[in-house]
Amino acid sequence: MSDTSSRRPPPATLRDAPPLHRRTVLAGALGAAFAAALPGKGRAAGFPDRPMRLVCPFPPGVATDVLARAYARYVGEELGQPMVVENRPGANGVLASTVVAKAPADGYTLLFTTGSHVANAAMAGTLQYRPVDDFTAVFLAAQSYGLALISTKFSTVAEMVAAAKAAPGKLTYATSGVGNVTHVAGAMFEKAADIDLTDVPYNSPTLSTDVMGGQVDMTFISTVTAVPLVKTGKVKALATTGTRRPPSLPDVPTLQELGYKDFDINGYFGMLAPAGLSPEVTTTLYRALNKAGETKDVRDLLAESSLYPSTLDPKAFDAFLRKDLAYQTQLMRDLGIKVQ
């Protein structure tokens, strides 16, 4: 479960997608330009003088973990102290976020997380932390191309929508549970297309298998997970949910292209620290992370995993999170989604 600072190639791809959450807006200056403009030598005096702990909210081997380890490896090399990945799965990331929120703001306990960090707060009545105010935004590492709508029974979105309108409530879509992005995407699509679908929640990886077998009519899954399924020829990708077509599915239109103008769901990965982290330590971490993101290994990992780099500086990342929280809070209200 831990990572070391030894140099070795990162895994080739992120085969298992984490929870991904809604639209993201790229804002602020380029990361490299920000780093160049910062004063001083770019290192907080005396930091780090011992190993750093990078808490990951999901199990080993899934996308968030793989990406966290790739960044941790290079940051450890750059700063001269290992950055050790600690997996703390549970409650869709709430457990890990709670651990980091309560940690000292000294730069030695950090969180590598996804949009679920904000989405959890948007859905939950009460958490032990505030998703933005109780954290210091350090680095937005990458964004995704969103989800793919896959099915074995339909060839186009128009065909599927027509079938849904002809038999309200008959068509089913598989989800990974209430509030998961698969559920949010389905609920958003029902509203956007003015159709009635039946949600079939899963607590296991058989979700995709059952769609391939025809037991469920469709699902929204990450593009990186969808690609190998589509290549088998057993399922068809009808559309994607981001604002741009993923290079891995160049012939699949976005839902926006199909007329659903406000449909924009994608995911992001970033690093947070407890609130109150000093600007000097924040800058040190940001610069090391930004440099790691420029390495060929990490860039290749992102490209092969249907992700693209998005190196917002700490100030812009903080603004990004605040905007995302406001958007998602309103979205969950509009869709009537609450944690049960």
Protein backbone atom coordinates (compact mmCIF):
# COMPACT_ATOMS: atom_id res chain seq x y z
CA MET A 1 0.00 0.00 0.00
CA SER A 2 2.96 2.31 0.16
CA ASP A 3 5.05 4.02 -2.45
CA THR A 4 8.77 4.66 -2.56
CA SER A 5 10.97 7.26 -4.16
CA SER A 6 12.81 4.69 -6.33
CA ARG A 7 12.71 5.45 -10.06
CA ARG A 8 10.70 2.97 -12.07
CA PRO A 9 8.17 3.31 -14.89
CA PRO A 10 4.60 3.87 -13.70
CA PRO A 11 1.83 1.48 -14.72
CA ALA A 12 0.87 1.71 -18.37
CA THR A 13 -2.77 2.60 -17.94
CA LEU A 14 -5.55 3.37 -15.48
CA ARG A 15 -7.79 0.41 -16.15
CA ASP A 16 -10.23 1.02 -13.30
CA ALA A 17 -11.95 4.37 -13.21
CA PRO A 18 -12.73 6.12 -9.91
CA PRO A 19 -15.87 8.05 -9.29
CA LEU A 20 -15.85 10.97 -11.68
CA HIS A 21 -17.92 14.05 -11.15
CA ARG A 22 -19.58 16.57 -13.49
CA ARG A 23 -18.30 19.39 -15.63
CA THR A 24 -15.01 21.14 -14.92
CA VAL A 25 -13.89 24.57 -16.01
CA LEU A 26 -10.25 25.20 -16.85
CA ALA A 27 -9.29 28.54 -15.33
CA GLY A 28 -6.21 30.54 -14.43
CA ALA A 29 -2.75 30.88 -15.88
CA LEU A 30 -0.67 28.02 -17.18
CA GLY A 31 1.01 26.09 -14.41
CA ALA A 32 4.48 26.59 -15.78
CA ALA A 33 3.97 30.33 -16.05
CA PHE A 34 2.74 30.47 -12.47
CA ALA A 35 5.75 28.57 -11.20
CA ALA A 36 8.15 30.81 -13.08
CA ALA A 37 6.57 33.91 -11.58
CA LEU A 38 6.85 32.80 -7.96
CA PRO A 39 9.52 34.56 -5.89
CA GLY A 40 12.45 32.91 -4.24
CA LYS A 41 14.14 29.62 -4.97
CA GLY A 42 10.94 27.61 -4.84
CA ARG A 43 11.71 25.59 -1.69
CA ALA A 44 10.37 26.16 1.82
CA ALA A 45 13.31 26.24 4.22
CA GLY A 46 13.76 22.83 5.85
CA PHE A 47 10.83 21.23 4.04
CA PRO A 48 10.60 18.33 3.73
CA ASP A 49 12.91 16.82 6.33
CA ARG A 50 11.02 13.52 6.64
CA PRO A 51 8.73 11.33 4.51
CA MET A 52 5.40 12.78 3.39
CA ARG A 53 2.13 10.85 3.54
CA LEU A 54 -0.19 11.01 0.52
CA VAL A 55 -3.64 9.70 1.47
CA CYS A 56 -5.60 8.06 -1.36
CA PRO A 57 -9.37 7.62 -0.87
CA PHE A 58 -9.64 4.52 -3.04
CA PRO A 59 -8.10 1.01 -3.04
CA PRO A 60 -4.77 0.06 -4.61
CA GLY A 61 -4.85 -0.39 -8.36
CA VAL A 62 -7.73 1.94 -9.26
CA ALA A 63 -7.15 5.11 -11.24
CA THR A 64 -6.72 7.50 -8.34
CA ASP A 65 -4.18 5.22 -6.68
CA VAL A 66 -2.17 4.64 -9.86
CA LEU A 67 -1.99 8.34 -10.63
CA ALA A 68 -1.17 9.22 -7.01
CA ARG A 69 1.77 6.81 -7.04
CA ALA A 70 3.09 8.19 -10.31
CA TYR A 71 3.14 11.72 -8.91
CA ALA A 72 4.41 10.62 -5.50
CA ARG A 73 7.39 8.87 -7.07
CA TYR A 74 8.61 11.96 -8.89
CA VAL A 75 7.79 14.40 -6.10
CA GLY A 76 9.81 12.26 -3.71
CA GLU A 77 12.77 12.34 -6.07
CA GLU A 78 12.47 16.08 -6.59
CA LEU A 79 12.22 16.97 -2.89
CA GLY A 80 14.65 14.38 -1.56
CA GLN A 81 12.18 12.67 0.77
CA PRO A 82 9.80 9.82 -0.10
CA MET A 83 6.13 10.56 -0.56
CA VAL A 84 4.36 7.43 0.72
CA VAL A 85 0.90 6.59 -0.59
CA GLU A 86 -1.54 5.42 2.08
CA ASN A 87 -4.82 3.94 0.85
CA ARG A 88 -7.79 4.82 3.06
CA PRO A 89 -10.88 3.71 1.12
CA GLY A 90 -14.35 4.12 2.52
CA ALA A 91 -17.57 6.11 2.11
CA ASN A 92 -16.68 7.23 -1.43
CA GLY A 93 -13.67 9.17 -0.17
CA VAL A 94 -15.16 10.70 2.98
CA LEU A 95 -12.90 8.66 5.28
CA ALA A 96 -9.69 9.84 3.59
CA SER A 97 -10.85 13.45 3.43
CA THR A 98 -11.67 13.37 7.15
CA VAL A 99 -8.21 12.02 7.99
CA VAL A 100 -6.47 14.81 6.09
CA ALA A 101 -8.78 17.58 7.30
CA LYS A 102 -7.85 16.72 10.90
CA ALA A 103 -4.10 16.44 10.25
CA PRO A 104 -1.55 19.18 11.06
CA ALA A 105 -1.11 21.76 8.30
CA ASP A 106 2.60 21.09 7.92
CA GLY A 107 2.79 19.52 4.45
CA TYR A 108 3.42 16.00 5.68
CA THR A 109 -0.16 14.74 5.31
CA LEU A 110 -1.75 15.33 1.91
CA LEU A 111 -4.80 14.11 -0.01
CA PHE A 112 -4.83 12.95 -3.63
CA THR A 113 -8.49 12.94 -4.55
CA THR A 114 -11.14 13.31 -7.23
CA GLY A 115 -14.31 15.30 -7.81
CA SER A 116 -16.01 12.98 -5.33
CA HIS A 117 -14.44 15.10 -2.57
CA VAL A 118 -16.73 17.99 -3.51
CA ALA A 119 -19.67 15.85 -4.63
CA ASN A 120 -19.85 14.12 -1.25
CA ALA A 121 -20.41 17.46 0.44
CA ALA A 122 -22.98 18.46 -2.16
CA MET A 123 -25.02 15.33 -1.44
CA ALA A 124 -24.53 14.87 2.29
CA GLY A 125 -26.40 16.68 5.00
CA THR A 126 -23.44 16.78 7.39
CA LEU A 127 -19.73 15.94 7.13
CA GLN A 128 -16.94 16.39 9.65
CA TYR A 129 -15.23 18.85 7.33
CA ARG A 130 -15.93 21.55 4.75
CA PRO A 131 -14.61 20.43 1.35
CA VAL A 132 -12.96 23.74 0.45
CA ASP A 133 -12.58 25.86 3.59
CA ASP A 134 -10.98 23.05 5.61
CA PHE A 135 -8.36 22.34 2.95
CA THR A 136 -5.57 24.08 1.08
CA ALA A 137 -5.76 23.61 -2.68
CA VAL A 138 -2.31 22.62 -3.94
CA PHE A 139 -2.48 21.19 -7.46
CA LEU A 140 -5.02 20.13 -10.09
CA ALA A 141 -3.25 17.27 -11.82
CA ALA A 142 -5.57 16.05 -14.56
CA GLN A 143 -9.06 16.06 -15.99
CA SER A 144 -10.95 13.34 -17.82
CA TYR A 145 -12.96 13.25 -21.01
CA GLY A 146 -15.95 12.15 -18.99
CA LEU A 147 -18.05 9.04 -19.30
CA ALA A 148 -19.23 6.93 -22.21
CA LEU A 149 -22.85 5.86 -22.61
CA ILE A 150 -22.66 2.21 -23.68
CA SER A 151 -25.30 -0.31 -24.72
CA THR A 152 -25.71 -3.58 -26.60
CA LYS A 153 -29.27 -2.84 -27.68
CA PHE A 154 -28.99 0.53 -29.39
CA SER A 155 -26.74 2.06 -32.03
CA THR A 156 -27.48 5.74 -31.45
CA VAL A 157 -28.71 8.01 -28.69
CA ALA A 158 -31.70 9.00 -30.82
CA GLU A 159 -32.72 5.35 -31.16
CA MET A 160 -32.45 4.81 -27.42
CA VAL A 161 -34.40 7.97 -26.56
CA ALA A 162 -37.17 6.99 -28.97
CA ALA A 163 -37.45 3.58 -27.30
CA ALA A 164 -37.54 5.19 -23.86
CA LYS A 165 -40.31 7.57 -24.87
CA ALA A 166 -42.32 4.70 -26.34
CA ALA A 167 -42.16 2.73 -23.08
CA PRO A 168 -41.58 5.03 -20.07
CA GLY A 169 -39.74 3.31 -17.21
CA LYS A 170 -39.04 0.13 -19.16
CA LEU A 171 -35.40 0.78 -20.12
CA THR A 172 -32.82 0.27 -17.39
CA TYR A 173 -29.43 1.79 -16.66
CA ALA A 174 -26.81 0.36 -14.32
CA THR A 175 -25.22 2.55 -11.65
CA SER A 176 -22.66 2.13 -8.90
CA GLY A 177 -25.04 3.45 -6.25
CA VAL A 178 -26.83 6.60 -5.16
CA GLY A 179 -24.80 9.72 -5.82
CA ASN A 180 -22.09 7.95 -7.80
CA VAL A 181 -21.34 9.69 -11.08
CA THR A 182 -23.00 6.84 -12.97
CA HIS A 183 -26.21 7.66 -11.10
CA VAL A 184 -25.82 11.42 -11.54
CA ALA A 185 -25.17 11.02 -15.28
CA GLY A 186 -28.24 8.86 -15.71
CA ALA A 187 -30.45 11.25 -13.76
CA MET A 188 -29.11 14.20 -15.74
CA PHE A 189 -29.75 12.41 -19.00
CA GLU A 190 -33.31 11.51 -18.01
CA LYS A 191 -34.00 15.17 -17.34
CA ALA A 192 -32.20 16.46 -20.44
CA ALA A 193 -33.93 13.99 -22.79
CA ASP A 194 -37.28 14.13 -20.95
CA ILE A 195 -37.42 10.36 -20.56
CA ASP A 196 -38.07 7.93 -17.71
CA LEU A 197 -35.46 5.23 -17.07
CA THR A 198 -35.14 2.71 -14.24
CA ASP A 199 -31.97 2.84 -12.15
CA VAL A 200 -30.40 -0.54 -11.32
CA PRO A 201 -27.76 -0.04 -8.56
CA TYR A 202 -24.74 -2.35 -8.30
CA ASN A 203 -22.26 -2.90 -5.50
CA SER A 204 -19.88 -4.99 -7.57
CA PRO A 205 -17.82 -4.84 -10.78
CA THR A 206 -20.44 -6.94 -12.62
CA LEU A 207 -22.10 -3.72 -13.79
CA SER A 208 -20.30 -3.70 -17.15
CA THR A 209 -20.64 -7.46 -17.52
CA ASP A 210 -24.41 -7.29 -17.15
CA VAL A 211 -24.64 -4.50 -19.70
CA MET A 212 -22.58 -6.59 -22.12
CA GLY A 213 -24.84 -9.55 -21.44
CA GLY A 214 -27.98 -7.53 -22.06
CA GLN A 215 -29.37 -7.88 -18.53
CA VAL A 216 -29.32 -4.08 -18.27
CA ASP A 217 -29.97 -1.79 -21.23
CA MET A 218 -27.21 0.77 -20.75
CA THR A 219 -24.78 2.45 -18.40
CA PHE A 220 -22.45 5.42 -18.16
CA ILE A 221 -18.86 4.34 -17.47
CA SER A 222 -15.46 5.99 -17.71
CA THR A 223 -14.05 6.25 -21.20
CA VAL A 224 -10.90 4.36 -20.21
CA THR A 225 -13.05 1.44 -19.04
CA ALA A 226 -15.32 1.67 -22.08
CA VAL A 227 -12.59 1.45 -24.72
CA PRO A 228 -11.63 -2.24 -24.25
CA LEU A 229 -15.32 -3.18 -24.02
CA VAL A 230 -16.11 -1.38 -27.27
CA LYS A 231 -13.14 -3.05 -28.96
CA THR A 232 -14.64 -6.47 -28.21
CA GLY A 233 -17.54 -5.52 -30.46
CA LYS A 234 -20.05 -6.62 -27.83
CA VAL A 235 -21.10 -3.10 -26.82
CA LYS A 236 -21.38 0.20 -28.63
CA ALA A 237 -20.47 3.62 -27.28
CA LEU A 238 -23.35 5.93 -28.15
CA ALA A 239 -21.94 9.19 -26.78
CA THR A 240 -19.56 10.72 -24.26
CA THR A 241 -20.33 13.26 -21.54
CA GLY A 242 -17.44 15.72 -21.73
CA THR A 243 -16.92 18.78 -23.89
CA ARG A 244 -14.42 17.13 -26.23
CA ARG A 245 -14.15 13.73 -27.87
CA PRO A 246 -11.57 11.47 -26.22
CA PRO A 247 -8.73 10.45 -28.57
CA SER A 248 -9.47 6.83 -27.67
CA LEU A 249 -13.05 7.16 -29.02
CA PRO A 250 -12.66 9.67 -31.86
CA ASP A 251 -15.79 8.60 -33.73
CA VAL A 252 -18.11 8.82 -30.73
CA PRO A 253 -19.95 12.16 -30.45
CA THR A 254 -20.36 14.11 -27.24
CA LEU A 255 -23.87 14.61 -25.93
CA GLN A 256 -23.38 18.33 -26.52
CA GLU A 257 -22.80 17.61 -30.21
CA LEU A 258 -26.09 15.71 -30.25
CA GLY A 259 -28.02 18.71 -28.99
CA TYR A 260 -27.80 18.34 -25.21
CA LYS A 261 -26.07 21.69 -24.88
CA ASP A 262 -25.70 21.83 -21.10
CA PHE A 263 -24.61 18.22 -20.64
CA ASP A 264 -21.06 18.27 -19.34
CA ILE A 265 -19.72 15.65 -16.95
CA ASN A 266 -16.07 14.88 -16.53
CA GLY A 267 -13.72 14.18 -13.68
CA TYR A 268 -10.58 15.54 -12.13
CA PHE A 269 -7.71 14.54 -9.89
CA GLY A 270 -5.88 16.88 -7.56
CA MET A 271 -3.90 17.30 -4.37
CA LEU A 272 -5.16 19.01 -1.22
CA ALA A 273 -3.60 19.71 2.16
CA PRO A 274 -5.16 20.67 5.49
CA ALA A 275 -6.30 24.29 5.77
CA GLY A 276 -3.62 26.70 6.90
CA LEU A 277 -0.69 25.24 4.97
CA SER A 278 1.92 27.96 4.59
CA PRO A 279 2.34 29.62 1.18
CA GLU A 280 5.99 28.55 1.14
CA VAL A 281 5.22 24.85 1.60
CA THR A 282 2.29 25.09 -0.81
CA THR A 283 4.61 26.56 -3.43
CA THR A 284 7.24 23.88 -2.82
CA LEU A 285 4.71 21.11 -3.32
CA TYR A 286 3.09 22.79 -6.31
CA ARG A 287 6.39 23.21 -8.14
CA ALA A 288 7.40 19.60 -7.52
CA LEU A 289 4.00 18.33 -8.67
CA ASN A 290 4.04 20.54 -11.74
CA LYS A 291 7.50 19.23 -12.65
CA ALA A 292 6.31 15.64 -12.16
CA GLY A 293 3.39 16.34 -14.48
CA GLU A 294 5.79 17.40 -17.21
CA THR A 295 7.67 14.09 -17.25
CA LYS A 296 7.16 11.78 -20.21
CA ASP A 297 6.12 8.90 -17.95
CA VAL A 298 3.28 10.86 -16.35
CA ARG A 299 2.18 12.47 -19.64
CA ASP A 300 2.09 9.06 -21.31
CA LEU A 301 0.14 7.63 -18.38
CA LEU A 302 -2.45 10.39 -18.67
CA ALA A 303 -2.81 10.05 -22.44
CA GLU A 304 -3.15 6.27 -22.33
CA SER A 305 -5.77 6.61 -19.61
CA SER A 306 -8.05 9.09 -21.39
CA LEU A 307 -6.93 11.96 -19.16
CA TYR A 308 -5.31 15.27 -19.99
CA PRO A 309 -3.04 17.46 -17.83
CA SER A 310 -4.59 20.47 -16.15
CA THR A 311 -2.04 22.17 -13.95
CA LEU A 312 -3.98 24.93 -12.20
CA ASP A 313 -1.99 26.93 -9.67
CA PRO A 314 -3.14 26.81 -6.02
CA LYS A 315 -5.19 30.02 -6.19
CA ALA A 316 -6.96 29.00 -9.41
CA PHE A 317 -7.53 25.47 -8.09
CA ASP A 318 -9.18 26.90 -4.96
CA ALA A 319 -11.51 29.00 -7.13
CA PHE A 320 -12.20 25.94 -9.29
CA LEU A 321 -13.25 23.90 -6.25
CA ARG A 322 -15.53 26.64 -4.95
CA LYS A 323 -17.26 26.92 -8.30
CA ASP A 324 -17.60 23.15 -8.51
CA LEU A 325 -19.11 22.95 -5.02
CA ALA A 326 -21.72 25.60 -5.83
CA TYR A 327 -22.58 23.89 -9.11
CA GLN A 328 -22.83 20.40 -7.67
CA THR A 329 -24.87 21.50 -4.67
CA GLN A 330 -27.45 23.05 -6.98
CA LEU A 331 -27.29 20.06 -9.34
CA MET A 332 -28.02 17.56 -6.56
CA ARG A 333 -30.96 19.67 -5.43
CA ASP A 334 -32.33 19.87 -8.96
CA LEU A 335 -31.99 16.11 -9.43
CA GLY A 336 -33.27 15.28 -5.95
CA ILE A 337 -30.19 13.19 -5.12
CA LYS A 338 -29.31 12.75 -1.44
CA VAL A 339 -27.13 10.31 0.46
CA GLN A 340 -29.36 7.64 2.00
